[in-house]
Amino acid sequence: HSNDYVENLKLAVIYGRIRADFLGDTTPVPLVRPSV
């Protein structure tokens, strides 16, 4: 649906950090909190 690669690159960081921050104390496997 989205052809804007820069937007998707940015969302990869934002969504990845949300996931790492909210699952970090319950995750069964190691997580990497991504940066740009």
PDB file of all heavy atoms in Angstrom:
ATOM      1  N   HIS A   1       0.793  -1.223   0.000  1.00  0.00           N
ATOM      2  CA  HIS A   1       0.000   0.000   0.000  1.00  0.00           C
ATOM      3  C   HIS A   1       0.825   1.272   0.000  1.00  0.00           C
ATOM      4  O   HIS A   1       0.415   2.291  -0.576  1.00  0.00           O
ATOM      5  CB  HIS A   1      -0.945  -0.008   1.203  1.00  0.00           C
ATOM      6  CG  HIS A   1      -1.638  -1.321   1.389  1.00  0.00           C
ATOM      7  ND1 HIS A   1      -2.666  -1.733   0.570  1.00  0.00           N
ATOM      8  CD2 HIS A   1      -1.419  -2.340   2.262  1.00  0.00           C
ATOM      9  CE1 HIS A   1      -3.060  -2.936   0.945  1.00  0.00           C
ATOM     10  NE2 HIS A   1      -2.321  -3.333   1.969  1.00  0.00           N
ATOM     11  N   SER A   2       1.968   1.284   0.662  1.00  0.00           N
ATOM     12  CA  SER A   2       2.801   2.481   0.756  1.00  0.00           C
ATOM     13  C   SER A   2       4.050   2.305  -0.089  1.00  0.00           C
ATOM     14  O   SER A   2       4.813   1.361   0.112  1.00  0.00           O
ATOM     15  CB  SER A   2       3.210   2.754   2.206  1.00  0.00           C
ATOM     16  OG  SER A   2       4.201   3.764   2.252  1.00  0.00           O
ATOM     17  N   ASN A   3       4.263   3.219  -1.021  1.00  0.00           N
ATOM     18  CA  ASN A   3       5.456   3.184  -1.864  1.00  0.00           C
ATOM     19  C   ASN A   3       6.539   4.137  -1.383  1.00  0.00           C
ATOM     20  O   ASN A   3       7.537   4.341  -2.071  1.00  0.00           O
ATOM     21  CB  ASN A   3       5.077   3.524  -3.309  1.00  0.00           C
ATOM     22  CG  ASN A   3       4.216   2.445  -3.945  1.00  0.00           C
ATOM     23  OD1 ASN A   3       4.372   1.267  -3.646  1.00  0.00           O
ATOM     24  ND2 ASN A   3       3.297   2.849  -4.802  1.00  0.00           N
ATOM     25  N   ASP A   4       6.355   4.722  -0.212  1.00  0.00           N
ATOM     26  CA  ASP A   4       7.296   5.704   0.341  1.00  0.00           C
ATOM     27  C   ASP A   4       8.320   4.966   1.196  1.00  0.00           C
ATOM     28  O   ASP A   4       8.071   4.656   2.363  1.00  0.00           O
ATOM     29  CB  ASP A   4       6.521   6.729   1.177  1.00  0.00           C
ATOM     30  CG  ASP A   4       7.385   7.877   1.664  1.00  0.00           C
ATOM     31  OD1 ASP A   4       8.615   7.693   1.796  1.00  0.00           O
ATOM     32  OD2 ASP A   4       6.831   8.959   1.938  1.00  0.00           O
ATOM     33  N   TYR A   5       9.487   4.683   0.618  1.00  0.00           N
ATOM     34  CA  TYR A   5      10.476   3.888   1.340  1.00  0.00           C
ATOM     35  C   TYR A   5      10.988   4.620   2.572  1.00  0.00           C
ATOM     36  O   TYR A   5      11.201   4.009   3.625  1.00  0.00           O
ATOM     37  CB  TYR A   5      11.655   3.529   0.422  1.00  0.00           C
ATOM     38  CG  TYR A   5      12.469   2.373   0.967  1.00  0.00           C
ATOM     39  CD1 TYR A   5      12.388   1.122   0.394  1.00  0.00           C
ATOM     40  CD2 TYR A   5      13.298   2.524   2.073  1.00  0.00           C
ATOM     41  CE1 TYR A   5      13.126   0.043   0.890  1.00  0.00           C
ATOM     42  CE2 TYR A   5      14.026   1.465   2.582  1.00  0.00           C
ATOM     43  CZ  TYR A   5      13.930   0.231   1.990  1.00  0.00           C
ATOM     44  OH  TYR A   5      14.641  -0.820   2.504  1.00  0.00           O
ATOM     45  N   VAL A   6      11.200   5.932   2.477  1.00  0.00           N
ATOM     46  CA  VAL A   6      11.718   6.674   3.628  1.00  0.00           C
ATOM     47  C   VAL A   6      10.731   6.591   4.785  1.00  0.00           C
ATOM     48  O   VAL A   6      11.123   6.423   5.947  1.00  0.00           O
ATOM     49  CB  VAL A   6      12.012   8.133   3.243  1.00  0.00           C
ATOM     50  CG1 VAL A   6      12.526   8.910   4.449  1.00  0.00           C
ATOM     51  CG2 VAL A   6      13.030   8.195   2.112  1.00  0.00           C
ATOM     52  N   GLU A   7       9.452   6.692   4.493  1.00  0.00           N
ATOM     53  CA  GLU A   7       8.430   6.560   5.537  1.00  0.00           C
ATOM     54  C   GLU A   7       8.483   5.168   6.167  1.00  0.00           C
ATOM     55  O   GLU A   7       8.375   5.014   7.392  1.00  0.00           O
ATOM     56  CB  GLU A   7       7.042   6.821   4.950  1.00  0.00           C
ATOM     57  CG  GLU A   7       5.915   6.792   5.951  1.00  0.00           C
ATOM     58  CD  GLU A   7       5.890   7.998   6.873  1.00  0.00           C
ATOM     59  OE1 GLU A   7       6.558   9.007   6.569  1.00  0.00           O
ATOM     60  OE2 GLU A   7       5.188   7.938   7.898  1.00  0.00           O
ATOM     61  N   ASN A   8       8.648   4.143   5.349  1.00  0.00           N
ATOM     62  CA  ASN A   8       8.713   2.785   5.882  1.00  0.00           C
ATOM     63  C   ASN A   8       9.977   2.558   6.695  1.00  0.00           C
ATOM     64  O   ASN A   8       9.945   1.844   7.708  1.00  0.00           O
ATOM     65  CB  ASN A   8       8.608   1.773   4.736  1.00  0.00           C
ATOM     66  CG  ASN A   8       7.169   1.532   4.321  1.00  0.00           C
ATOM     67  OD1 ASN A   8       6.460   0.735   4.931  1.00  0.00           O
ATOM     68  ND2 ASN A   8       6.724   2.225   3.292  1.00  0.00           N
ATOM     69  N   LEU A   9      11.076   3.153   6.287  1.00  0.00           N
ATOM     70  CA  LEU A   9      12.308   3.065   7.073  1.00  0.00           C
ATOM     71  C   LEU A   9      12.092   3.671   8.457  1.00  0.00           C
ATOM     72  O   LEU A   9      12.492   3.102   9.486  1.00  0.00           O
ATOM     73  CB  LEU A   9      13.428   3.771   6.320  1.00  0.00           C
ATOM     74  CG  LEU A   9      14.842   3.697   6.895  1.00  0.00           C
ATOM     75  CD1 LEU A   9      15.861   3.742   5.751  1.00  0.00           C
ATOM     76  CD2 LEU A   9      15.125   4.845   7.839  1.00  0.00           C
ATOM     77  N   LYS A  10      11.438   4.812   8.474  1.00  0.00           N
ATOM     78  CA  LYS A  10      11.145   5.486   9.743  1.00  0.00           C
ATOM     79  C   LYS A  10      10.191   4.651  10.604  1.00  0.00           C
ATOM     80  O   LYS A  10      10.398   4.489  11.817  1.00  0.00           O
ATOM     81  CB  LYS A  10      10.547   6.858   9.417  1.00  0.00           C
ATOM     82  CG  LYS A  10      10.143   7.703  10.583  1.00  0.00           C
ATOM     83  CD  LYS A  10       9.855   9.133  10.121  1.00  0.00           C
ATOM     84  CE  LYS A  10       8.792   9.210   9.066  1.00  0.00           C
ATOM     85  NZ  LYS A  10       8.485  10.611   8.678  1.00  0.00           N
ATOM     86  N   LEU A  11       9.137   4.099   9.978  1.00  0.00           N
ATOM     87  CA  LEU A  11       8.187   3.273  10.730  1.00  0.00           C
ATOM     88  C   LEU A  11       8.845   2.008  11.265  1.00  0.00           C
ATOM     89  O   LEU A  11       8.473   1.520  12.339  1.00  0.00           O
ATOM     90  CB  LEU A  11       7.002   2.902   9.835  1.00  0.00           C
ATOM     91  CG  LEU A  11       6.003   4.019   9.528  1.00  0.00           C
ATOM     92  CD1 LEU A  11       4.962   3.536   8.524  1.00  0.00           C
ATOM     93  CD2 LEU A  11       5.319   4.500  10.802  1.00  0.00           C
ATOM     94  N   ALA A  12       9.819   1.469  10.536  1.00  0.00           N
ATOM     95  CA  ALA A  12      10.522   0.284  11.034  1.00  0.00           C
ATOM     96  C   ALA A  12      11.177   0.586  12.370  1.00  0.00           C
ATOM     97  O   ALA A  12      11.137  -0.238  13.306  1.00  0.00           O
ATOM     98  CB  ALA A  12      11.565  -0.174  10.010  1.00  0.00           C
ATOM     99  N   VAL A  13      11.775   1.768  12.489  1.00  0.00           N
ATOM    100  CA  VAL A  13      12.412   2.153  13.749  1.00  0.00           C
ATOM    101  C   VAL A  13      11.352   2.362  14.833  1.00  0.00           C
ATOM    102  O   VAL A  13      11.466   1.841  15.955  1.00  0.00           O
ATOM    103  CB  VAL A  13      13.247   3.433  13.556  1.00  0.00           C
ATOM    104  CG1 VAL A  13      13.849   3.870  14.895  1.00  0.00           C
ATOM    105  CG2 VAL A  13      14.343   3.209  12.533  1.00  0.00           C
ATOM    106  N   ILE A  14      10.323   3.131  14.519  1.00  0.00           N
ATOM    107  CA  ILE A  14       9.308   3.474  15.523  1.00  0.00           C
ATOM    108  C   ILE A  14       8.575   2.227  16.013  1.00  0.00           C
ATOM    109  O   ILE A  14       8.443   1.985  17.223  1.00  0.00           O
ATOM    110  CB  ILE A  14       8.327   4.506  14.944  1.00  0.00           C
ATOM    111  CG1 ILE A  14       9.053   5.827  14.682  1.00  0.00           C
ATOM    112  CG2 ILE A  14       7.142   4.720  15.888  1.00  0.00           C
ATOM    113  CD1 ILE A  14       8.240   6.834  13.888  1.00  0.00           C
ATOM    114  N   TYR A  15       8.082   1.412  15.075  1.00  0.00           N
ATOM    115  CA  TYR A  15       7.360   0.202  15.472  1.00  0.00           C
ATOM    116  C   TYR A  15       8.291  -0.777  16.196  1.00  0.00           C
ATOM    117  O   TYR A  15       7.884  -1.446  17.154  1.00  0.00           O
ATOM    118  CB  TYR A  15       6.755  -0.484  14.257  1.00  0.00           C
ATOM    119  CG  TYR A  15       5.550   0.202  13.657  1.00  0.00           C
ATOM    120  CD1 TYR A  15       5.041  -0.199  12.427  1.00  0.00           C
ATOM    121  CD2 TYR A  15       4.887   1.241  14.308  1.00  0.00           C
ATOM    122  CE1 TYR A  15       3.928   0.398  11.864  1.00  0.00           C
ATOM    123  CE2 TYR A  15       3.781   1.851  13.757  1.00  0.00           C
ATOM    124  CZ  TYR A  15       3.304   1.427  12.529  1.00  0.00           C
ATOM    125  OH  TYR A  15       2.206   2.020  11.972  1.00  0.00           O
ATOM    126  N   GLY A  16       9.538  -0.868  15.727  1.00  0.00           N
ATOM    127  CA  GLY A  16      10.480  -1.766  16.384  1.00  0.00           C
ATOM    128  C   GLY A  16      10.750  -1.352  17.819  1.00  0.00           C
ATOM    129  O   GLY A  16      10.851  -2.193  18.722  1.00  0.00           O
ATOM    130  N   ARG A  17      10.867  -0.057  18.050  1.00  0.00           N
ATOM    131  CA  ARG A  17      11.104   0.418  19.410  1.00  0.00           C
ATOM    132  C   ARG A  17       9.874   0.222  20.293  1.00  0.00           C
ATOM    133  O   ARG A  17      10.000  -0.129  21.469  1.00  0.00           O
ATOM    134  CB  ARG A  17      11.507   1.889  19.369  1.00  0.00           C
ATOM    135  CG  ARG A  17      12.918   2.107  18.859  1.00  0.00           C
ATOM    136  CD  ARG A  17      13.292   3.561  18.811  1.00  0.00           C
ATOM    137  NE  ARG A  17      14.721   3.742  18.554  1.00  0.00           N
ATOM    138  CZ  ARG A  17      15.328   4.912  18.475  1.00  0.00           C
ATOM    139  NH1 ARG A  17      14.615   6.034  18.605  1.00  0.00           N
ATOM    140  NH2 ARG A  17      16.626   4.987  18.243  1.00  0.00           N
ATOM    141  N   ILE A  18       8.692   0.452  19.726  1.00  0.00           N
ATOM    142  CA  ILE A  18       7.462   0.202  20.497  1.00  0.00           C
ATOM    143  C   ILE A  18       7.426  -1.257  20.942  1.00  0.00           C
ATOM    144  O   ILE A  18       7.158  -1.575  22.108  1.00  0.00           O
ATOM    145  CB  ILE A  18       6.213   0.546  19.657  1.00  0.00           C
ATOM    146  CG1 ILE A  18       6.102   2.060  19.442  1.00  0.00           C
ATOM    147  CG2 ILE A  18       4.952   0.001  20.323  1.00  0.00           C
ATOM    148  CD1 ILE A  18       5.023   2.445  18.457  1.00  0.00           C
ATOM    149  N   ARG A  19       7.704  -2.138  20.001  1.00  0.00           N
ATOM    150  CA  ARG A  19       7.644  -3.571  20.317  1.00  0.00           C
ATOM    151  C   ARG A  19       8.678  -3.935  21.379  1.00  0.00           C
ATOM    152  O   ARG A  19       8.372  -4.638  22.357  1.00  0.00           O
ATOM    153  CB  ARG A  19       7.864  -4.377  19.039  1.00  0.00           C
ATOM    154  CG  ARG A  19       7.636  -5.850  19.204  1.00  0.00           C
ATOM    155  CD  ARG A  19       7.678  -6.583  17.879  1.00  0.00           C
ATOM    156  NE  ARG A  19       7.449  -8.006  18.091  1.00  0.00           N
ATOM    157  CZ  ARG A  19       6.276  -8.602  18.067  1.00  0.00           C
ATOM    158  NH1 ARG A  19       5.186  -7.890  17.833  1.00  0.00           N
ATOM    159  NH2 ARG A  19       6.158  -9.896  18.288  1.00  0.00           N
ATOM    160  N   ALA A  20       9.903  -3.453  21.200  1.00  0.00           N
ATOM    161  CA  ALA A  20      10.953  -3.778  22.169  1.00  0.00           C
ATOM    162  C   ALA A  20      10.644  -3.198  23.543  1.00  0.00           C
ATOM    163  O   ALA A  20      10.846  -3.860  24.572  1.00  0.00           O
ATOM    164  CB  ALA A  20      12.291  -3.263  21.655  1.00  0.00           C
ATOM    165  N   ASP A  21      10.141  -1.960  23.579  1.00  0.00           N
ATOM    166  CA  ASP A  21       9.874  -1.314  24.859  1.00  0.00           C
ATOM    167  C   ASP A  21       8.718  -1.983  25.607  1.00  0.00           C
ATOM    168  O   ASP A  21       8.760  -2.118  26.836  1.00  0.00           O
ATOM    169  CB  ASP A  21       9.550   0.169  24.637  1.00  0.00           C
ATOM    170  CG  ASP A  21      10.777   0.983  24.239  1.00  0.00           C
ATOM    171  OD1 ASP A  21      11.898   0.436  24.295  1.00  0.00           O
ATOM    172  OD2 ASP A  21      10.619   2.157  23.863  1.00  0.00           O
ATOM    173  N   PHE A  22       7.678  -2.418  24.877  1.00  0.00           N
ATOM    174  CA  PHE A  22       6.502  -2.962  25.550  1.00  0.00           C
ATOM    175  C   PHE A  22       6.628  -4.456  25.841  1.00  0.00           C
ATOM    176  O   PHE A  22       5.938  -4.970  26.720  1.00  0.00           O
ATOM    177  CB  PHE A  22       5.240  -2.684  24.719  1.00  0.00           C
ATOM    178  CG  PHE A  22       4.689  -1.308  24.923  1.00  0.00           C
ATOM    179  CD1 PHE A  22       5.208  -0.232  24.217  1.00  0.00           C
ATOM    180  CD2 PHE A  22       3.683  -1.065  25.831  1.00  0.00           C
ATOM    181  CE1 PHE A  22       4.719   1.050  24.402  1.00  0.00           C
ATOM    182  CE2 PHE A  22       3.187   0.211  26.033  1.00  0.00           C
ATOM    183  CZ  PHE A  22       3.714   1.282  25.316  1.00  0.00           C
ATOM    184  N   LEU A  23       7.486  -5.158  25.107  1.00  0.00           N
ATOM    185  CA  LEU A  23       7.624  -6.599  25.326  1.00  0.00           C
ATOM    186  C   LEU A  23       8.915  -6.958  26.052  1.00  0.00           C
ATOM    187  O   LEU A  23       9.163  -8.128  26.332  1.00  0.00           O
ATOM    188  CB  LEU A  23       7.581  -7.338  23.982  1.00  0.00           C
ATOM    189  CG  LEU A  23       6.302  -7.204  23.162  1.00  0.00           C
ATOM    190  CD1 LEU A  23       6.429  -7.969  21.846  1.00  0.00           C
ATOM    191  CD2 LEU A  23       5.085  -7.686  23.940  1.00  0.00           C
ATOM    192  N   GLY A  24       9.738  -5.957  26.326  1.00  0.00           N
ATOM    193  CA  GLY A  24      11.071  -6.224  26.835  1.00  0.00           C
ATOM    194  C   GLY A  24      11.130  -6.978  28.140  1.00  0.00           C
ATOM    195  O   GLY A  24      12.096  -7.711  28.385  1.00  0.00           O
ATOM    196  N   ASP A  25      10.113  -6.836  29.002  1.00  0.00           N
ATOM    197  CA  ASP A  25      10.184  -7.532  30.294  1.00  0.00           C
ATOM    198  C   ASP A  25       9.438  -8.861  30.283  1.00  0.00           C
ATOM    199  O   ASP A  25       9.341  -9.537  31.316  1.00  0.00           O
ATOM    200  CB  ASP A  25       9.666  -6.635  31.416  1.00  0.00           C
ATOM    201  CG  ASP A  25       8.236  -6.184  31.204  1.00  0.00           C
ATOM    202  OD1 ASP A  25       7.668  -6.490  30.126  1.00  0.00           O
ATOM    203  OD2 ASP A  25       7.677  -5.519  32.102  1.00  0.00           O
ATOM    204  N   THR A  26       8.893  -9.265  29.107  1.00  0.00           N
ATOM    205  CA  THR A  26       8.181 -10.541  29.031  1.00  0.00           C
ATOM    206  C   THR A  26       8.683 -11.421  27.880  1.00  0.00           C
ATOM    207  O   THR A  26       8.185 -12.529  27.700  1.00  0.00           O
ATOM    208  CB  THR A  26       6.670 -10.315  28.843  1.00  0.00           C
ATOM    209  OG1 THR A  26       6.452  -9.588  27.621  1.00  0.00           O
ATOM    210  CG2 THR A  26       6.083  -9.551  30.018  1.00  0.00           C
ATOM    211  N   THR A  27       9.631 -10.928  27.096  1.00  0.00           N
ATOM    212  CA  THR A  27      10.042 -11.648  25.889  1.00  0.00           C
ATOM    213  C   THR A  27      10.738 -12.967  26.213  1.00  0.00           C
ATOM    214  O   THR A  27      11.587 -13.032  27.112  1.00  0.00           O
ATOM    215  CB  THR A  27      10.969 -10.769  25.030  1.00  0.00           C
ATOM    216  OG1 THR A  27      11.405 -11.528  23.889  1.00  0.00           O
ATOM    217  CG2 THR A  27      12.187 -10.300  25.807  1.00  0.00           C
ATOM    218  N   PRO A  28      10.423 -14.034  25.476  1.00  0.00           N
ATOM    219  CA  PRO A  28      11.118 -15.315  25.680  1.00  0.00           C
ATOM    220  C   PRO A  28      12.445 -15.396  24.939  1.00  0.00           C
ATOM    221  O   PRO A  28      13.192 -16.360  25.124  1.00  0.00           O
ATOM    222  CB  PRO A  28      10.119 -16.335  25.113  1.00  0.00           C
ATOM    223  CG  PRO A  28       9.422 -15.579  24.019  1.00  0.00           C
ATOM    224  CD  PRO A  28       9.309 -14.158  24.519  1.00  0.00           C
ATOM    225  N   VAL A  29      12.721 -14.410  24.075  1.00  0.00           N
ATOM    226  CA  VAL A  29      13.960 -14.409  23.293  1.00  0.00           C
ATOM    227  C   VAL A  29      14.564 -13.013  23.351  1.00  0.00           C
ATOM    228  O   VAL A  29      13.880 -12.034  23.652  1.00  0.00           O
ATOM    229  CB  VAL A  29      13.693 -14.801  21.818  1.00  0.00           C
ATOM    230  CG1 VAL A  29      13.200 -16.233  21.710  1.00  0.00           C
ATOM    231  CG2 VAL A  29      12.712 -13.830  21.163  1.00  0.00           C
ATOM    232  N   PRO A  30      15.854 -12.879  23.061  1.00  0.00           N
ATOM    233  CA  PRO A  30      16.458 -11.540  23.070  1.00  0.00           C
ATOM    234  C   PRO A  30      15.833 -10.629  22.009  1.00  0.00           C
ATOM    235  O   PRO A  30      15.430 -11.086  20.930  1.00  0.00           O
ATOM    236  CB  PRO A  30      17.931 -11.817  22.749  1.00  0.00           C
ATOM    237  CG  PRO A  30      18.143 -13.259  23.047  1.00  0.00           C
ATOM    238  CD  PRO A  30      16.841 -13.935  22.782  1.00  0.00           C
ATOM    239  N   LEU A  31      15.778  -9.340  22.330  1.00  0.00           N
ATOM    240  CA  LEU A  31      15.282  -8.328  21.404  1.00  0.00           C
ATOM    241  C   LEU A  31      16.385  -7.314  21.133  1.00  0.00           C
ATOM    242  O   LEU A  31      17.195  -7.024  22.004  1.00  0.00           O
ATOM    243  CB  LEU A  31      14.077  -7.576  21.987  1.00  0.00           C
ATOM    244  CG  LEU A  31      12.851  -8.360  22.412  1.00  0.00           C
ATOM    245  CD1 LEU A  31      11.844  -7.432  23.086  1.00  0.00           C
ATOM    246  CD2 LEU A  31      12.208  -9.033  21.211  1.00  0.00           C
ATOM    247  N   VAL A  32      16.380  -6.743  19.932  1.00  0.00           N
ATOM    248  CA  VAL A  32      17.212  -5.590  19.629  1.00  0.00           C
ATOM    249  C   VAL A  32      16.298  -4.388  19.466  1.00  0.00           C
ATOM    250  O   VAL A  32      15.351  -4.432  18.676  1.00  0.00           O
ATOM    251  CB  VAL A  32      18.039  -5.803  18.350  1.00  0.00           C
ATOM    252  CG1 VAL A  32      18.709  -4.501  17.914  1.00  0.00           C
ATOM    253  CG2 VAL A  32      19.095  -6.877  18.575  1.00  0.00           C
ATOM    254  N   ARG A  33      16.563  -3.333  20.234  1.00  0.00           N
ATOM    255  CA  ARG A  33      15.798  -2.084  20.081  1.00  0.00           C
ATOM    256  C   ARG A  33      16.449  -1.299  18.941  1.00  0.00           C
ATOM    257  O   ARG A  33      17.535  -0.762  19.091  1.00  0.00           O
ATOM    258  CB  ARG A  33      15.828  -1.274  21.379  1.00  0.00           C
ATOM    259  CG  ARG A  33      14.910  -0.065  21.380  1.00  0.00           C
ATOM    260  CD  ARG A  33      14.969   0.621  22.742  1.00  0.00           C
ATOM    261  NE  ARG A  33      13.943   1.660  22.868  1.00  0.00           N
ATOM    262  CZ  ARG A  33      14.128   2.940  22.541  1.00  0.00           C
ATOM    263  NH1 ARG A  33      15.308   3.324  22.063  1.00  0.00           N
ATOM    264  NH2 ARG A  33      13.163   3.812  22.682  1.00  0.00           N
ATOM    265  N   PRO A  34      15.795  -1.229  17.774  1.00  0.00           N
ATOM    266  CA  PRO A  34      16.483  -0.706  16.593  1.00  0.00           C
ATOM    267  C   PRO A  34      16.641   0.807  16.633  1.00  0.00           C
ATOM    268  O   PRO A  34      15.863   1.531  17.254  1.00  0.00           O
ATOM    269  CB  PRO A  34      15.563  -1.115  15.443  1.00  0.00           C
ATOM    270  CG  PRO A  34      14.204  -1.181  16.063  1.00  0.00           C
ATOM    271  CD  PRO A  34      14.423  -1.677  17.466  1.00  0.00           C
ATOM    272  N   SER A  35      17.673   1.280  15.952  1.00  0.00           N
ATOM    273  CA  SER A  35      17.900   2.707  15.745  1.00  0.00           C
ATOM    274  C   SER A  35      17.795   2.998  14.257  1.00  0.00           C
ATOM    275  O   SER A  35      17.622   2.091  13.432  1.00  0.00           O
ATOM    276  CB  SER A  35      19.295   3.094  16.245  1.00  0.00           C
ATOM    277  OG  SER A  35      20.281   2.580  15.360  1.00  0.00           O
ATOM    278  N   VAL A  36      17.936   4.256  13.881  1.00  0.00           N
ATOM    279  CA  VAL A  36      17.930   4.596  12.461  1.00  0.00           C
ATOM    280  C   VAL A  36      19.125   3.965  11.761  1.00  0.00           C
ATOM    281  O   VAL A  36      19.056   3.614  10.577  1.00  0.00           O
ATOM    282  CB  VAL A  36      17.878   6.123  12.269  1.00  0.00           C
ATOM    283  CG1 VAL A  36      19.166   6.791  12.740  1.00  0.00           C
ATOM    284  CG2 VAL A  36      17.577   6.479  10.822  1.00  0.00           C
TER     285      VAL A  36
END
